[in-house]
């Protein structure tokens, strides 16, 4: 099964048309689109939290100097 999955992924990697068709089919799926949007929102939120923490940490360091 692992060998088949690797073979399939290699074909997708090597064939741009196949890759684009697969991506388009996935993105047209309503359930996937909603879940993907949720994952992106979480990712952005996590990044913003880290950026805010970095800014706060740099501000605290400058305050100590």
N, C-alpha and C. Protein backbone atom coordinates (compact mmCIF):
# COMPACT_ATOMS: atom_id res chain seq x y z
N UNK A 1 0.83 -1.19 0.00
CA UNK A 1 0.00 0.00 0.00
C UNK A 1 0.88 1.26 0.00
N UNK A 2 1.92 1.26 0.84
CA UNK A 2 2.83 2.41 0.90
C UNK A 2 3.50 2.63 -0.45
N UNK A 3 3.89 1.54 -1.09
CA UNK A 3 4.53 1.64 -2.41
C UNK A 3 3.57 2.25 -3.43
N UNK A 4 2.31 1.84 -3.39
CA UNK A 4 1.30 2.40 -4.31
C UNK A 4 1.09 3.88 -4.05
N UNK A 5 1.01 4.25 -2.78
CA UNK A 5 0.83 5.66 -2.43
C UNK A 5 2.01 6.49 -2.91
N UNK A 6 3.22 5.98 -2.69
CA UNK A 6 4.42 6.70 -3.14
C UNK A 6 4.44 6.84 -4.66
N UNK A 7 4.04 5.78 -5.36
CA UNK A 7 4.00 5.81 -6.83
C UNK A 7 3.00 6.87 -7.30
N UNK A 8 1.83 6.90 -6.68
CA UNK A 8 0.79 7.87 -7.02
C UNK A 8 1.29 9.30 -6.76
N UNK A 9 1.90 9.52 -5.61
CA UNK A 9 2.41 10.86 -5.27
C UNK A 9 3.53 11.28 -6.20
N UNK A 10 4.37 10.34 -6.62
CA UNK A 10 5.43 10.65 -7.58
C UNK A 10 4.83 11.10 -8.91
N UNK A 11 3.77 10.41 -9.36
CA UNK A 11 3.11 10.80 -10.62
C UNK A 11 2.53 12.21 -10.51
N UNK A 12 1.91 12.52 -9.39
CA UNK A 12 1.35 13.86 -9.18
C UNK A 12 2.46 14.90 -9.19
N UNK A 13 3.56 14.58 -8.55
CA UNK A 13 4.69 15.52 -8.47
C UNK A 13 5.27 15.79 -9.85
N UNK A 14 5.33 14.78 -10.69
CA UNK A 14 5.98 14.90 -11.99
C UNK A 14 5.07 15.45 -13.09
N UNK A 15 3.76 15.39 -12.90
CA UNK A 15 2.83 15.77 -13.95
C UNK A 15 2.00 16.98 -13.50
N UNK A 16 2.34 18.14 -14.04
CA UNK A 16 1.67 19.38 -13.62
C UNK A 16 0.18 19.37 -13.95
N UNK A 17 -0.20 18.84 -15.10
CA UNK A 17 -1.61 18.79 -15.49
C UNK A 17 -2.40 17.92 -14.51
N UNK A 18 -1.87 16.75 -14.21
CA UNK A 18 -2.52 15.85 -13.26
C UNK A 18 -2.63 16.51 -11.89
N UNK A 19 -1.57 17.16 -11.46
CA UNK A 19 -1.55 17.85 -10.17
C UNK A 19 -2.62 18.94 -10.13
N UNK A 20 -2.71 19.75 -11.17
CA UNK A 20 -3.70 20.83 -11.22
C UNK A 20 -5.12 20.30 -11.24
N UNK A 21 -5.35 19.22 -11.99
CA UNK A 21 -6.69 18.61 -12.03
C UNK A 21 -7.09 18.09 -10.65
N UNK A 22 -6.15 17.44 -9.98
CA UNK A 22 -6.44 16.92 -8.65
C UNK A 22 -6.75 18.05 -7.67
N UNK A 23 -5.96 19.09 -7.71
CA UNK A 23 -6.19 20.24 -6.82
C UNK A 23 -7.55 20.85 -7.10
N UNK A 24 -7.90 21.03 -8.36
CA UNK A 24 -9.20 21.62 -8.71
C UNK A 24 -10.36 20.75 -8.23
N UNK A 25 -10.23 19.43 -8.38
CA UNK A 25 -11.30 18.53 -7.92
C UNK A 25 -11.43 18.60 -6.40
N UNK A 26 -10.32 18.65 -5.71
CA UNK A 26 -10.36 18.72 -4.25
C UNK A 26 -11.01 20.02 -3.81
N UNK A 27 -10.61 21.12 -4.42
CA UNK A 27 -11.13 22.43 -4.01
C UNK A 27 -12.61 22.61 -4.35
N UNK A 28 -13.13 21.86 -5.32
CA UNK A 28 -14.55 21.96 -5.67
C UNK A 28 -15.43 21.23 -4.66
N UNK A 29 -14.85 20.35 -3.86
CA UNK A 29 -15.60 19.62 -2.85
C UNK A 29 -15.95 20.57 -1.72
N UNK A 30 -17.25 20.79 -1.49
CA UNK A 30 -17.72 21.77 -0.51
C UNK A 30 -17.20 21.46 0.90
N UNK A 31 -17.28 20.20 1.30
CA UNK A 31 -16.81 19.83 2.64
C UNK A 31 -15.32 20.11 2.79
N UNK A 32 -14.57 19.76 1.76
CA UNK A 32 -13.13 20.00 1.84
C UNK A 32 -12.85 21.49 1.87
N UNK A 33 -13.54 22.25 1.04
CA UNK A 33 -13.32 23.70 0.99
C UNK A 33 -13.56 24.33 2.35
N UNK A 34 -14.64 23.93 3.02
CA UNK A 34 -14.94 24.48 4.34
C UNK A 34 -13.87 24.10 5.35
N UNK A 35 -13.45 22.84 5.31
CA UNK A 35 -12.41 22.38 6.25
C UNK A 35 -11.08 23.07 5.95
N UNK A 36 -10.76 23.22 4.67
CA UNK A 36 -9.52 23.88 4.27
C UNK A 36 -9.53 25.34 4.73
N UNK A 37 -10.64 26.00 4.55
CA UNK A 37 -10.77 27.40 5.00
C UNK A 37 -10.57 27.49 6.51
N UNK A 38 -11.13 26.55 7.25
CA UNK A 38 -10.98 26.52 8.70
C UNK A 38 -9.51 26.31 9.07
N UNK A 39 -8.83 25.40 8.38
CA UNK A 39 -7.42 25.15 8.66
C UNK A 39 -6.57 26.39 8.38
N UNK A 40 -6.87 27.08 7.29
CA UNK A 40 -6.14 28.30 6.95
C UNK A 40 -6.38 29.36 8.02
N UNK A 41 -7.62 29.52 8.45
CA UNK A 41 -7.94 30.49 9.51
C UNK A 41 -7.16 30.19 10.79
N UNK A 42 -7.11 28.92 11.16
CA UNK A 42 -6.37 28.53 12.37
C UNK A 42 -4.89 28.82 12.19
N UNK A 43 -4.36 28.50 11.02
CA UNK A 43 -2.94 28.73 10.75
C UNK A 43 -2.61 30.22 10.83
N UNK A 44 -3.44 31.05 10.23
CA UNK A 44 -3.22 32.50 10.26
C UNK A 44 -3.31 33.01 11.70
N UNK A 45 -4.29 32.54 12.43
CA UNK A 45 -4.46 32.95 13.82
C UNK A 45 -3.23 32.58 14.65
N UNK A 46 -2.73 31.36 14.45
CA UNK A 46 -1.53 30.92 15.17
C UNK A 46 -0.33 31.80 14.83
N UNK A 47 -0.18 32.12 13.54
CA UNK A 47 0.93 32.97 13.11
C UNK A 47 0.82 34.36 13.74
N UNK A 48 -0.39 34.90 13.75
CA UNK A 48 -0.59 36.23 14.33
C UNK A 48 -0.27 36.22 15.82
N UNK A 49 -0.65 35.15 16.50
CA UNK A 49 -0.33 35.02 17.93
C UNK A 49 1.18 35.02 18.14
N UNK A 50 1.90 34.26 17.30
CA UNK A 50 3.36 34.20 17.43
C UNK A 50 4.00 35.54 17.13
N UNK A 51 3.50 36.23 16.13
CA UNK A 51 4.04 37.55 15.79
C UNK A 51 3.81 38.51 16.95
N UNK A 52 2.61 38.48 17.52
CA UNK A 52 2.30 39.34 18.67
C UNK A 52 3.21 39.03 19.85
N UNK A 53 3.45 37.75 20.10
CA UNK A 53 4.34 37.35 21.19
C UNK A 53 5.77 37.84 20.93
N UNK A 54 6.24 37.73 19.68
CA UNK A 54 7.58 38.19 19.34
C UNK A 54 7.71 39.70 19.54
N UNK A 55 6.69 40.43 19.11
CA UNK A 55 6.71 41.89 19.27
C UNK A 55 6.73 42.25 20.76
N UNK A 56 5.90 41.56 21.54
CA UNK A 56 5.85 41.83 22.98
C UNK A 56 7.19 41.50 23.63
N UNK A 57 7.79 40.39 23.24
CA UNK A 57 9.08 39.99 23.81
C UNK A 57 10.16 41.02 23.47
N UNK A 58 10.19 41.48 22.22
CA UNK A 58 11.17 42.50 21.82
C UNK A 58 10.94 43.79 22.58
N UNK A 59 9.68 44.13 22.80
CA UNK A 59 9.35 45.34 23.56
C UNK A 59 9.82 45.21 25.00
N UNK A 60 9.63 44.04 25.59
CA UNK A 60 10.08 43.79 26.96
C UNK A 60 11.60 43.87 27.07
N UNK A 61 12.29 43.33 26.08
CA UNK A 61 13.76 43.36 26.08
C UNK A 61 14.25 44.80 25.99
N UNK A 62 13.64 45.59 25.13
CA UNK A 62 14.04 47.00 25.01
C UNK A 62 13.77 47.75 26.30
N UNK A 63 12.70 47.39 27.00
CA UNK A 63 12.36 48.03 28.26
C UNK A 63 13.38 47.72 29.35
N UNK A 64 13.99 46.55 29.26
CA UNK A 64 15.00 46.16 30.25
C UNK A 64 16.34 46.85 30.00
N UNK A 65 16.57 47.25 28.77
CA UNK A 65 17.84 47.88 28.43
C UNK A 65 17.79 49.28 28.87
